[in-house]
Amino acid sequence: MLIDSRNILTDEVIKTEVCIVGAGPAGITLAQEFIGRDFRVCLLESGDIEFNQETQSLCEGETVGDDFPALHDIRRRQFGGLANAWCIDIYNQQIGLRYAPLDEIDFEKRDWLPYSGWPFSKSHLNPFYARAQSVCKLGAFSYDAEAWEDVQSPRLLFNSDRLITSMFQFGPRDIFTNEYREQINHSPNITTYLNANVVEIETDEIAKTVTRLRVASLHGNKFWVAAKVFILATGGIENARLLLISKQIQKTGLGNQNDLVGRFFMDHPLIFSGILFPRNRKIFNSMALYDLRLVNNVAVMGKLAITSQVMRREKLLNMSGLLFPRHKEFRTVAKTSLKLLLSSLQHREIPKEVCKHLSNVIMNFDSLLAYWYKYHLKKQPLFPNLSQGGWSSLPGNERRFVKFEIVSQTEQAPNPDNRVTLSSKIDRLGCQQAQLTWHWTDTDITSIRRSQAIFAQEFAQAGLGNFHIELNGDLPELLSASTHHNMGTTRMHIDPKQGVVDANCQVHDISNLFIAGSSVFPTGGYANPTLTIVALAIRLADHIKAQFQ
């Protein structure tokens, strides 16, 4: 059943057994697992079925430190959460997301990486990953290249153990934005409340048990939800903020007795690693494994990655390499000059050699205008990218393309100084907004540069071609500091002095408060987190069901 919270009477108390806060992939997966059970479930969603800018304004906050996207751009208050923003064209006008599990090394305690290590290994999570494959409407739980390559589309072969090919799978967003909502709504034991914003978590007098949640709508009414079990599933920033603003008993915030809530924020910075100039352009006819395409009715795409042996040997973070074919005019001098001039104009600065850059733009104005027309008016993709594949089936690729752009999704070292805190600014419901502090660390930068060098060496030794590494001074050439993968702010650890939740995702020292989603990740690897989020939600649902039994 769906209920609009704007119609609930002020100070009404809704009683249930399980209360889930947040209807993104984590909260929806939990609700799915509870369908038909002999206990009542309340699912609270801040947004509505359709996007609403007024509600989205509650995501606003401040960012401090190195360049990072605005907080309201990397979150979504709407049923389905960020699934509504997924934009990859999978096939037959299906829009969705790329999936991959974390690697074994991502779960390990790495001596060279402070604060690393999960309470369990990847092998423990594998059965839940297998179930998550079904939830996300993916293929078999197999991400090795051997399962997807063939004679016409082989993986790249290298002369050492330093690079490996593994796969992404792709699944539809509609399951989280529509299909599962309908299934949940038809379950007699689950009630979904839309436009329901949690503004406070209330506990007993010693903060050991959550008693109820204070909920408000932008319509002005406020009510309570009382339950036996509460699960926060509102994302890496909002999970931390809800704990921090709930300070009626614990003055530093709920679960924050060791000053850990909000710390260790991580994302997956997306960087332009460089350009590979192939030795033989016929390679463009045999690289289908690295294109987004259907194999045995499953949408997949290959990627390169540093092997775990090399990460251990050279003390590196995890990093991927996606290969996108490019024509000769990609990243021309004129486009680079135009980008620099526009950026300088935005920051009200005069760039060095401004006359040279203006000349580059003027001399190539016709081609720049043609590209602008195709992209902005005709809405035609200019080249294969993170959101669209299919290039490998085109004829004559050895004449069309001359180089590969290598884009890397990178692991970020857990750093306690990268954190979510409370801003002095107040949102429309009277709650303090979030403030995010984010910086590159020396570990991040050193690892990326060494991994780029390994890519270059392996391409050359395998006879594939010359790899030109891209940097922005001493920093990586950043495409985006965030891929909307907010992680780590309520990290998992068996020791309450090192983590906010335990191995069962229960907030330490609070008997009935659990957290779902990537905020519990101690480390994040480079893989998109959604498959791990869903696997952990299934695991948590099993734990809750066992408690009620």
Protein backbone atom coordinates (compact mmCIF):
# COMPACT_ATOMS: atom_id res chain seq x y z
CA MET A 1 0.00 0.00 0.00
CA LEU A 2 1.18 3.53 -0.85
CA ILE A 3 0.36 6.43 1.46
CA ASP A 4 1.15 10.11 0.92
CA SER A 5 2.59 11.32 4.24
CA ARG A 6 1.28 14.82 3.61
CA ASN A 7 -2.16 13.48 4.52
CA ILE A 8 -1.16 12.04 7.92
CA LEU A 9 -2.34 13.91 10.99
CA THR A 10 0.25 15.77 13.06
CA ASP A 11 1.54 13.74 16.03
CA GLU A 12 -0.07 10.51 14.79
CA VAL A 13 1.97 7.42 15.77
CA ILE A 14 2.40 4.68 13.18
CA LYS A 15 3.26 1.33 14.75
CA THR A 16 5.08 -1.45 12.93
CA GLU A 17 7.67 -4.18 13.47
CA VAL A 18 10.31 -3.12 10.92
CA CYS A 19 10.90 0.42 9.69
CA ILE A 20 13.13 0.95 6.63
CA VAL A 21 14.23 4.52 5.92
CA GLY A 22 14.97 5.11 2.25
CA ALA A 23 13.59 3.50 -0.91
CA GLY A 24 16.72 3.29 -3.03
CA PRO A 25 18.18 -0.07 -4.18
CA ALA A 26 19.16 -1.01 -0.59
CA GLY A 27 15.79 -0.21 0.99
CA ILE A 28 13.84 -1.72 -1.91
CA THR A 29 15.88 -4.95 -1.72
CA LEU A 30 15.17 -5.19 2.01
CA ALA A 31 11.46 -4.64 1.44
CA GLN A 32 11.46 -7.25 -1.32
CA GLU A 33 12.99 -9.78 1.06
CA PHE A 34 10.26 -9.03 3.63
CA ILE A 35 7.29 -9.48 1.26
CA GLY A 36 4.69 -11.84 2.72
CA ARG A 37 6.40 -12.22 6.09
CA ASP A 38 4.37 -12.43 9.29
CA PHE A 39 5.57 -9.05 10.54
CA ARG A 40 4.62 -5.55 9.46
CA VAL A 41 7.05 -3.36 7.48
CA CYS A 42 7.01 0.40 7.07
CA LEU A 43 9.06 1.84 4.18
CA LEU A 44 9.70 5.59 4.44
CA GLU A 45 10.72 7.53 1.34
CA SER A 46 11.56 11.23 1.37
CA GLY A 47 10.55 11.70 -2.26
CA ASP A 48 7.55 10.82 -4.39
CA ILE A 49 7.06 8.57 -7.41
CA GLU A 50 7.89 11.50 -9.69
CA PHE A 51 10.87 13.79 -9.22
CA ASN A 52 10.13 16.93 -7.21
CA GLN A 53 12.60 19.82 -7.08
CA GLU A 54 11.25 21.07 -3.76
CA THR A 55 12.02 17.73 -2.11
CA GLN A 56 15.37 17.48 -3.91
CA SER A 57 16.41 20.77 -2.29
CA LEU A 58 16.71 18.81 0.98
CA CYS A 59 19.87 17.27 -0.52
CA GLU A 60 21.65 20.60 -0.59
CA GLY A 61 24.81 20.98 1.47
CA GLU A 62 28.33 22.39 1.46
CA THR A 63 31.59 20.97 0.13
CA VAL A 64 35.04 21.87 1.45
CA GLY A 65 38.48 20.99 0.10
CA ASP A 66 39.41 19.81 -3.38
CA ASP A 67 36.96 20.20 -6.25
CA PHE A 68 33.91 17.98 -5.71
CA PRO A 69 30.38 18.02 -7.22
CA ALA A 70 27.54 19.74 -5.38
CA LEU A 71 25.83 17.41 -2.89
CA HIS A 72 22.38 17.86 -4.45
CA ASP A 73 23.79 16.63 -7.78
CA ILE A 74 25.04 13.28 -6.46
CA ARG A 75 21.92 12.24 -4.50
CA ARG A 76 18.28 11.69 -5.40
CA ARG A 77 15.17 11.99 -3.19
CA GLN A 78 12.66 9.91 -5.14
CA PHE A 79 11.32 6.37 -4.97
CA GLY A 80 14.12 4.30 -6.50
CA GLY A 81 16.81 6.68 -5.27
CA LEU A 82 19.76 7.15 -7.59
CA ALA A 83 18.42 4.41 -9.86
CA ASN A 84 16.33 7.22 -11.37
CA ALA A 85 19.56 8.88 -12.51
CA TRP A 86 21.10 5.78 -14.12
CA CYS A 87 21.63 6.59 -17.78
CA ILE A 88 23.46 3.76 -19.56
CA ASP A 89 21.83 2.70 -22.82
CA ILE A 90 21.98 -1.10 -22.44
CA TYR A 91 19.96 -2.41 -25.38
CA ASN A 92 16.55 -1.99 -27.05
CA GLN A 93 16.10 1.38 -25.30
CA GLN A 94 16.66 -0.26 -21.91
CA ILE A 95 18.38 2.14 -19.50
CA GLY A 96 20.39 0.81 -16.61
CA LEU A 97 23.64 0.45 -14.72
CA ARG A 98 26.93 -1.43 -14.79
CA TYR A 99 27.52 -4.02 -12.06
CA ALA A 100 30.55 -5.84 -10.69
CA PRO A 101 31.43 -7.38 -7.32
CA LEU A 102 34.30 -6.14 -5.24
CA ASP A 103 37.55 -8.09 -5.65
CA GLU A 104 38.93 -10.44 -3.01
CA ILE A 105 41.71 -7.99 -2.16
CA ASP A 106 39.13 -5.27 -1.47
CA PHE A 107 37.98 -7.22 1.60
CA GLU A 108 41.49 -7.92 2.90
CA LYS A 109 43.41 -6.08 5.59
CA ARG A 110 46.30 -4.64 3.57
CA ASP A 111 49.40 -3.83 5.58
CA TRP A 112 50.20 -0.84 3.36
CA LEU A 113 46.67 0.61 3.59
CA PRO A 114 45.61 1.94 7.01
CA TYR A 115 42.00 1.27 8.05
CA SER A 116 41.58 -1.48 5.43
CA GLY A 117 39.91 -4.84 6.03
CA TRP A 118 36.31 -6.05 6.24
CA PRO A 119 35.06 -8.34 9.04
CA PHE A 120 34.63 -11.13 6.47
CA SER A 121 36.08 -12.26 3.15
CA LYS A 122 34.61 -12.13 -0.33
CA SER A 123 33.96 -15.89 -0.18
CA HIS A 124 31.55 -15.26 2.70
CA LEU A 125 29.62 -12.74 0.58
CA ASN A 126 29.63 -14.80 -2.63
CA PRO A 127 26.31 -16.62 -1.92
CA PHE A 128 24.67 -13.24 -1.37
CA TYR A 129 26.29 -11.88 -4.54
CA ALA A 130 24.73 -14.82 -6.42
CA ARG A 131 21.29 -13.90 -5.04
CA ALA A 132 21.93 -10.23 -5.87
CA GLN A 133 22.50 -11.22 -9.51
CA SER A 134 18.88 -12.37 -9.63
CA VAL A 135 17.55 -9.28 -7.86
CA CYS A 136 19.37 -7.01 -10.33
CA LYS A 137 18.23 -9.10 -13.34
CA LEU A 138 21.76 -9.99 -14.41
CA GLY A 139 23.33 -13.11 -15.90
CA ALA A 140 25.30 -15.81 -14.12
CA PHE A 141 27.57 -14.79 -11.25
CA SER A 142 30.66 -14.85 -13.46
CA TYR A 143 32.89 -11.85 -14.08
CA ASP A 144 35.98 -13.57 -15.52
CA ALA A 145 36.78 -12.83 -19.15
CA GLU A 146 36.89 -16.56 -20.01
CA ALA A 147 33.11 -16.82 -19.61
CA TRP A 148 32.41 -14.10 -22.17
CA GLU A 149 35.22 -14.11 -24.78
CA ASP A 150 35.29 -16.04 -28.07
CA VAL A 151 37.52 -16.35 -31.14
CA GLN A 152 36.19 -13.14 -32.69
CA SER A 153 36.34 -11.16 -29.43
CA PRO A 154 39.32 -12.36 -27.37
CA ARG A 155 40.80 -10.63 -24.36
CA LEU A 156 44.06 -8.75 -24.68
CA LEU A 157 47.11 -10.85 -23.85
CA PHE A 158 49.97 -9.42 -21.82
CA ASN A 159 53.50 -10.64 -21.17
CA SER A 160 53.30 -10.56 -17.35
CA ASP A 161 50.91 -10.95 -14.43
CA ARG A 162 50.32 -7.22 -13.99
CA LEU A 163 47.12 -6.63 -15.98
CA ILE A 164 43.99 -8.72 -16.25
CA THR A 165 40.68 -8.47 -18.11
CA SER A 166 37.46 -8.83 -16.12
CA MET A 167 33.86 -7.93 -16.91
CA PHE A 168 31.03 -5.60 -16.10
CA GLN A 169 27.44 -6.80 -16.43
CA PHE A 170 24.54 -4.40 -17.00
CA GLY A 171 21.03 -4.47 -15.55
CA PRO A 172 17.86 -2.38 -16.01
CA ARG A 173 16.91 0.52 -13.77
CA ASP A 174 13.16 -0.09 -14.22
CA ILE A 175 13.18 -2.88 -11.64
CA PHE A 176 13.98 -0.38 -8.88
CA THR A 177 11.97 2.55 -10.20
CA ASN A 178 8.78 0.63 -11.15
CA GLU A 179 8.66 -3.17 -11.04
CA TYR A 180 9.63 -3.80 -7.42
CA ARG A 181 7.52 -0.87 -6.25
CA GLU A 182 4.45 -2.59 -7.64
CA GLN A 183 5.37 -5.89 -5.97
CA ILE A 184 5.97 -4.18 -2.63
CA ASN A 185 2.68 -2.29 -2.89
CA HIS A 186 0.76 -5.53 -3.38
CA SER A 187 2.24 -7.12 -0.26
CA PRO A 188 -0.29 -6.94 2.62
CA ASN A 189 2.44 -6.63 5.27
CA ILE A 190 4.28 -3.62 3.75
CA THR A 191 3.18 0.01 3.72
CA THR A 192 5.18 2.63 1.83
CA TYR A 193 4.99 6.27 2.94
CA LEU A 194 6.01 8.86 0.34
CA ASN A 195 7.09 12.44 1.10
CA ALA A 196 8.19 11.18 4.52
CA ASN A 197 11.38 12.83 5.80
CA VAL A 198 13.02 11.53 8.97
CA VAL A 199 14.18 14.51 11.03
CA GLU A 200 15.19 12.76 14.25
CA ILE A 201 15.94 9.31 15.63
CA GLU A 202 14.65 9.07 19.20
CA THR A 203 16.07 6.57 21.73
CA ASP A 204 15.57 5.54 25.33
CA GLU A 205 17.28 7.57 28.06
CA ILE A 206 20.62 5.72 27.69
CA ALA A 207 20.68 5.62 23.87
CA LYS A 208 20.75 1.82 23.75
CA THR A 209 17.44 1.29 21.94
CA VAL A 210 15.70 3.33 19.27
CA THR A 211 12.08 3.92 20.24
CA ARG A 212 10.67 5.91 17.34
CA LEU A 213 11.43 8.25 14.44
CA ARG A 214 10.21 11.80 14.05
CA VAL A 215 8.97 12.22 10.45
CA ALA A 216 7.98 15.41 8.65
CA SER A 217 6.61 16.36 5.27
CA LEU A 218 7.20 19.63 3.44
CA HIS A 219 3.44 20.13 3.74
CA GLY A 220 4.03 20.99 7.42
CA ASN A 221 2.69 17.97 9.30
CA LYS A 222 4.90 15.85 11.59
CA PHE A 223 4.26 12.35 12.91
CA TRP A 224 6.02 9.42 14.58
CA VAL A 225 6.94 5.88 13.53
CA ALA A 226 7.46 3.34 16.32
CA ALA A 227 9.00 -0.06 15.53
CA LYS A 228 10.98 -2.96 16.94
CA VAL A 229 13.71 -2.73 14.29
CA PHE A 230 14.94 0.31 12.38
CA ILE A 231 17.11 0.25 9.24
CA LEU A 232 18.70 3.35 7.71
CA ALA A 233 19.13 2.99 3.94
CA THR A 234 19.45 6.60 2.79
CA GLY A 235 22.94 6.65 1.24
CA GLY A 236 26.50 7.45 2.21
CA ILE A 237 25.87 11.08 3.11
CA GLU A 238 22.35 10.97 4.53
CA ASN A 239 22.91 7.92 6.77
CA ALA A 240 25.66 9.84 8.55
CA ARG A 241 23.66 13.07 8.69
CA LEU A 242 20.64 11.36 10.29
CA LEU A 243 22.86 9.97 13.04
CA LEU A 244 24.60 13.31 13.59
CA ILE A 245 21.40 15.38 13.85
CA SER A 246 19.93 12.88 16.37
CA LYS A 247 21.78 14.27 19.39
CA GLN A 248 19.10 14.60 22.03
CA ILE A 249 20.78 11.94 24.24
CA GLN A 250 24.26 11.58 22.72
CA LYS A 251 25.37 15.16 22.17
CA THR A 252 27.85 14.27 19.42
CA GLY A 253 25.23 12.30 17.50
CA LEU A 254 23.75 8.83 17.70
CA GLY A 255 26.36 6.05 17.45
CA ASN A 256 29.11 8.66 17.46
CA GLN A 257 30.63 8.05 20.87
CA ASN A 258 34.00 7.37 19.19
CA ASP A 259 33.79 10.26 16.72
CA LEU A 260 33.54 7.94 13.70
CA VAL A 261 30.15 8.82 12.20
CA GLY A 262 30.73 10.66 8.93
CA ARG A 263 34.44 9.90 8.74
CA PHE A 264 36.19 7.86 5.99
CA PHE A 265 34.06 9.22 3.17
CA MET A 266 35.09 7.61 -0.13
CA ASP A 267 33.98 7.78 -3.74
CA HIS A 268 35.30 6.45 -7.05
CA PRO A 269 37.04 9.38 -8.77
CA LEU A 270 36.82 9.00 -12.54
CA ILE A 271 39.99 10.01 -14.36
CA PHE A 272 41.21 10.34 -17.93
CA SER A 273 44.23 8.02 -17.73
CA GLY A 274 45.53 8.61 -21.23
CA ILE A 275 45.48 7.73 -24.92
CA LEU A 276 46.60 4.41 -26.42
CA PHE A 277 47.86 4.73 -29.99
CA PRO A 278 47.69 1.18 -31.42
CA ARG A 279 50.60 -0.16 -33.42
CA ASN A 280 48.16 -1.80 -35.83
CA ARG A 281 44.72 -0.27 -36.45
CA LYS A 282 43.23 -3.68 -37.25
CA ILE A 283 42.98 -4.11 -33.50
CA PHE A 284 39.72 -2.11 -33.66
CA ASN A 285 38.12 -5.10 -35.42
CA SER A 286 38.88 -7.55 -32.59
CA MET A 287 38.10 -5.53 -29.44
CA ALA A 288 34.40 -6.38 -29.09
CA LEU A 289 34.99 -7.86 -25.61
CA TYR A 290 35.67 -4.30 -24.39
CA ASP A 291 32.50 -2.88 -25.93
CA LEU A 292 29.07 -2.74 -24.25
CA ARG A 293 27.12 -5.44 -26.12
CA LEU A 294 24.90 -8.49 -25.67
CA VAL A 295 26.55 -11.88 -25.13
CA ASN A 296 24.18 -14.81 -24.60
CA ASN A 297 21.42 -12.25 -23.96
CA VAL A 298 23.41 -10.53 -21.18
CA ALA A 299 24.79 -7.00 -21.56
CA VAL A 300 28.50 -7.07 -20.70
CA MET A 301 31.69 -5.07 -21.21
CA GLY A 302 35.31 -5.96 -20.54
CA LYS A 303 37.73 -3.78 -18.61
CA LEU A 304 41.40 -3.90 -17.64
CA ALA A 305 42.55 -3.93 -14.03
CA ILE A 306 45.73 -4.19 -11.99
CA THR A 307 46.08 -7.72 -10.63
CA SER A 308 46.00 -8.43 -6.91
CA GLN A 309 49.56 -9.81 -7.08
CA VAL A 310 50.85 -6.46 -8.31
CA MET A 311 48.75 -4.49 -5.82
CA ARG A 312 50.28 -6.48 -2.99
CA ARG A 313 53.80 -6.35 -4.44
CA GLU A 314 53.77 -2.63 -5.20
CA LYS A 315 51.35 -1.52 -2.47
CA LEU A 316 48.77 -0.08 -4.87
CA LEU A 317 45.10 0.75 -4.67
CA ASN A 318 42.64 -0.88 -7.04
CA MET A 319 42.01 0.74 -10.43
CA SER A 320 40.28 -0.16 -13.68
CA GLY A 321 40.83 0.82 -17.30
CA LEU A 322 37.93 1.18 -19.76
CA LEU A 323 38.83 1.40 -23.45
CA PHE A 324 36.86 3.68 -25.75
CA PRO A 325 37.82 3.97 -29.45
CA ARG A 326 38.34 7.51 -30.72
CA HIS A 327 38.68 9.22 -34.10
CA LYS A 328 41.62 11.48 -34.92
CA GLU A 329 39.79 14.70 -33.96
CA PHE A 330 39.11 13.57 -30.39
CA ARG A 331 40.68 15.96 -27.87
CA THR A 332 42.08 18.25 -30.55
CA VAL A 333 44.05 21.37 -29.68
CA ALA A 334 40.98 23.49 -30.51
CA LYS A 335 38.72 21.55 -28.12
CA THR A 336 41.35 21.71 -25.37
CA SER A 337 41.69 25.47 -25.84
CA LEU A 338 37.92 26.00 -25.81
CA LYS A 339 37.57 23.95 -22.62
CA LEU A 340 40.33 25.96 -20.93
CA LEU A 341 38.83 29.30 -22.02
CA LEU A 342 35.34 28.36 -20.78
CA SER A 343 36.76 27.16 -17.46
CA SER A 344 38.74 30.39 -17.04
CA LEU A 345 35.66 32.46 -17.86
CA GLN A 346 33.67 30.57 -15.23
CA HIS A 347 36.36 31.30 -12.61
CA ARG A 348 36.85 34.89 -13.85
CA GLU A 349 40.50 34.29 -14.66
CA ILE A 350 42.71 35.03 -17.65
CA PRO A 351 44.57 31.89 -18.76
CA LYS A 352 48.21 31.87 -19.81
CA GLU A 353 48.73 32.25 -23.57
CA VAL A 354 45.16 33.44 -23.99
CA CYS A 355 45.83 34.71 -27.53
CA LYS A 356 47.07 31.28 -28.65
CA HIS A 357 43.98 29.57 -27.25
CA LEU A 358 41.64 32.12 -28.89
CA SER A 359 43.44 31.55 -32.18
CA ASN A 360 43.01 27.77 -31.88
CA VAL A 361 39.27 28.19 -31.36
CA ILE A 362 38.80 30.73 -34.18
CA MET A 363 40.79 28.67 -36.69
CA ASN A 364 38.67 25.58 -35.97
CA PHE A 365 35.36 27.31 -35.30
CA ASP A 366 33.45 25.43 -38.05
CA SER A 367 34.30 21.97 -36.69
CA LEU A 368 33.59 23.03 -33.09
CA LEU A 369 30.20 24.43 -34.15
CA ALA A 370 29.36 21.19 -35.97
CA TYR A 371 30.12 19.12 -32.88
CA TRP A 372 28.08 21.48 -30.69
CA TYR A 373 25.13 21.18 -33.09
CA LYS A 374 25.26 17.38 -33.17
CA TYR A 375 25.57 16.97 -29.41
CA HIS A 376 23.37 19.74 -27.99
CA LEU A 377 20.67 20.13 -30.64
CA LYS A 378 20.51 16.78 -32.42
CA LYS A 379 21.31 14.90 -29.16
CA GLN A 380 23.67 12.61 -31.07
CA PRO A 381 26.47 10.93 -29.08
CA LEU A 382 29.78 12.05 -30.50
CA PHE A 383 31.62 8.84 -29.63
CA PRO A 384 31.33 5.65 -27.52
CA ASN A 385 31.32 6.57 -23.85
CA LEU A 386 30.36 5.41 -20.36
CA SER A 387 26.68 5.59 -21.28
CA GLN A 388 26.64 4.01 -24.72
CA GLY A 389 28.39 1.18 -26.56
CA GLY A 390 27.75 -0.79 -29.73
CA TRP A 391 30.74 0.49 -31.69
CA SER A 392 32.26 -2.98 -32.25
CA SER A 393 29.47 -4.02 -34.64
CA LEU A 394 30.13 -1.11 -37.01
CA PRO A 395 31.93 -1.87 -40.30
CA GLY A 396 35.30 -0.38 -41.10
CA ASN A 397 36.46 0.40 -37.58
CA GLU A 398 40.11 0.26 -38.64
CA ARG A 399 39.39 3.28 -40.88
CA ARG A 400 37.07 5.09 -38.45
CA PHE A 401 39.21 4.99 -35.28
CA VAL A 402 42.87 5.80 -34.65
CA LYS A 403 43.27 5.58 -30.84
CA PHE A 404 41.73 4.45 -27.56
CA GLU A 405 40.84 6.73 -24.68
CA ILE A 406 41.54 4.96 -21.36
CA VAL A 407 39.16 6.03 -18.58
CA SER A 408 39.83 4.77 -15.06
CA GLN A 409 37.52 4.32 -12.10
CA THR A 410 39.77 4.44 -9.05
CA GLU A 411 39.81 3.26 -5.47
CA GLN A 412 40.20 5.92 -2.82
CA ALA A 413 42.16 5.25 0.37
CA PRO A 414 40.01 5.44 3.54
CA ASN A 415 40.93 8.72 5.19
CA PRO A 416 39.33 9.85 8.49
CA ASP A 417 39.71 13.50 7.46
CA ASN A 418 37.46 13.01 4.43
CA ARG A 419 34.18 13.27 6.22
CA VAL A 420 30.56 14.33 6.49
CA THR A 421 29.77 16.81 9.26
CA LEU A 422 26.89 19.17 9.97
CA SER A 423 26.74 22.57 8.34
CA SER A 424 25.56 25.72 10.09
CA LYS A 425 22.96 26.07 7.33
CA ILE A 426 19.44 24.78 7.98
CA ASP A 427 17.20 22.97 5.47
CA ARG A 428 13.49 23.58 4.91
CA LEU A 429 12.58 21.16 7.69
CA GLY A 430 14.73 22.92 10.28
CA CYS A 431 17.58 20.36 10.23
CA GLN A 432 21.25 21.11 9.74
CA GLN A 433 22.48 20.38 6.23
CA ALA A 434 25.43 18.10 5.52
CA GLN A 435 28.92 19.44 4.91
CA LEU A 436 31.42 17.28 3.02
CA THR A 437 35.18 17.67 3.35
CA TRP A 438 37.06 15.88 0.57
CA HIS A 439 40.72 15.90 -0.44
CA TRP A 440 43.03 13.81 -2.57
CA THR A 441 45.57 11.93 -0.48
CA ASP A 442 49.20 11.22 -1.37
CA THR A 443 48.29 7.51 -1.40
CA ASP A 444 45.58 8.12 -4.01
CA ILE A 445 47.81 10.14 -6.30
CA THR A 446 50.92 7.95 -5.99
CA SER A 447 48.91 4.79 -6.67
CA ILE A 448 47.18 6.24 -9.75
CA ARG A 449 50.43 7.45 -11.29
CA ARG A 450 52.14 4.11 -10.74
CA SER A 451 49.16 2.23 -12.18
CA GLN A 452 49.20 4.47 -15.25
CA ALA A 453 52.89 3.64 -15.71
CA ILE A 454 52.08 -0.07 -15.50
CA PHE A 455 49.42 0.33 -18.19
CA ALA A 456 51.96 2.07 -20.45
CA GLN A 457 54.65 -0.59 -19.89
CA GLU A 458 52.28 -3.50 -20.46
CA PHE A 459 50.81 -2.03 -23.64
CA ALA A 460 54.32 -1.50 -25.03
CA GLN A 461 55.66 -4.93 -24.02
CA ALA A 462 52.63 -6.67 -25.54
CA GLY A 463 53.19 -4.82 -28.81
CA LEU A 464 49.81 -3.12 -28.59
CA GLY A 465 51.07 0.43 -29.00
CA ASN A 466 52.17 3.59 -27.25
CA PHE A 467 50.25 4.85 -24.21
CA HIS A 468 50.36 8.60 -23.59
CA ILE A 469 49.65 9.26 -19.90
CA GLU A 470 47.48 12.26 -19.03
CA LEU A 471 48.02 14.32 -15.87
CA ASN A 472 46.89 17.69 -14.59
CA GLY A 473 50.16 18.91 -13.15
CA ASP A 474 50.90 16.55 -10.28
CA LEU A 475 47.24 15.47 -10.02
CA PRO A 476 45.29 12.99 -12.16
CA GLU A 477 43.31 14.43 -15.10
CA LEU A 478 39.96 14.35 -13.36
CA LEU A 479 36.74 13.71 -15.27
CA SER A 480 34.72 13.74 -12.04
CA ALA A 481 35.66 13.46 -8.37
CA SER A 482 32.41 11.57 -7.81
CA THR A 483 30.65 8.80 -9.68
CA HIS A 484 27.80 9.13 -7.14
CA HIS A 485 29.34 6.23 -5.17
CA ASN A 486 29.30 7.69 -1.66
CA MET A 487 30.85 5.18 0.76
CA GLY A 488 32.41 4.68 4.16
CA THR A 489 30.74 7.15 6.51
CA THR A 490 29.28 4.49 8.86
CA ARG A 491 32.01 1.93 8.31
CA MET A 492 31.83 -1.70 9.40
CA HIS A 493 34.24 -3.09 12.02
CA ILE A 494 33.98 -5.58 14.86
CA ASP A 495 35.64 -3.03 17.18
CA PRO A 496 33.37 -0.07 18.09
CA LYS A 497 36.48 2.11 18.35
CA GLN A 498 37.16 1.50 14.66
CA GLY A 499 33.70 1.27 13.12
CA VAL A 500 30.13 2.52 13.47
CA VAL A 501 28.41 -0.81 12.72
CA ASP A 502 29.36 -4.40 13.47
CA ALA A 503 29.62 -7.31 11.02
CA ASN A 504 25.80 -7.58 10.95
CA CYS A 505 25.42 -3.88 10.06
CA GLN A 506 24.05 -3.14 13.54
CA VAL A 507 25.11 0.18 15.07
CA HIS A 508 27.43 -0.64 17.95
CA ASP A 509 25.73 -0.54 21.36
CA ILE A 510 22.25 0.13 19.92
CA SER A 511 20.15 -3.01 20.02
CA ASN A 512 17.72 -2.38 17.17
CA LEU A 513 19.34 0.09 14.72
CA PHE A 514 20.89 -1.20 11.49
CA ILE A 515 22.41 0.49 8.45
CA ALA A 516 22.20 -0.68 4.83
CA GLY A 517 24.08 0.63 1.82
CA SER A 518 27.61 1.61 0.88
CA SER A 519 28.10 3.82 3.94
CA VAL A 520 29.10 0.61 5.79
CA PHE A 521 31.96 -0.18 3.34
CA PRO A 522 35.35 -0.10 5.12
CA THR A 523 37.04 0.14 1.69
CA GLY A 524 35.45 0.55 -1.71
CA GLY A 525 37.67 -0.90 -4.44
CA TYR A 526 36.88 0.59 -7.84
CA ALA A 527 33.75 -1.45 -8.75
CA ASN A 528 30.34 0.19 -8.86
CA PRO A 529 28.94 -0.49 -5.37
CA THR A 530 25.32 -1.41 -6.20
CA LEU A 531 25.83 -5.18 -6.50
CA THR A 532 27.58 -5.20 -3.11
CA ILE A 533 24.86 -2.93 -1.66
CA VAL A 534 22.17 -5.39 -2.79
CA ALA A 535 24.16 -8.42 -1.55
CA LEU A 536 24.61 -6.82 1.88
CA ALA A 537 20.91 -5.89 2.00
CA ILE A 538 19.95 -9.53 1.31
CA ARG A 539 22.36 -10.64 4.03
CA LEU A 540 20.91 -8.10 6.49
CA ALA A 541 17.35 -9.16 5.60
CA ASP A 542 18.24 -12.77 6.44
CA HIS A 543 19.57 -11.59 9.80
CA ILE A 544 16.39 -9.63 10.58
CA LYS A 545 14.14 -12.50 9.50
CA ALA A 546 16.07 -14.87 11.78
CA GLN A 547 15.55 -12.47 14.69
CA PHE A 548 11.79 -12.51 14.21
CA GLN A 549 11.72 -16.28 13.88
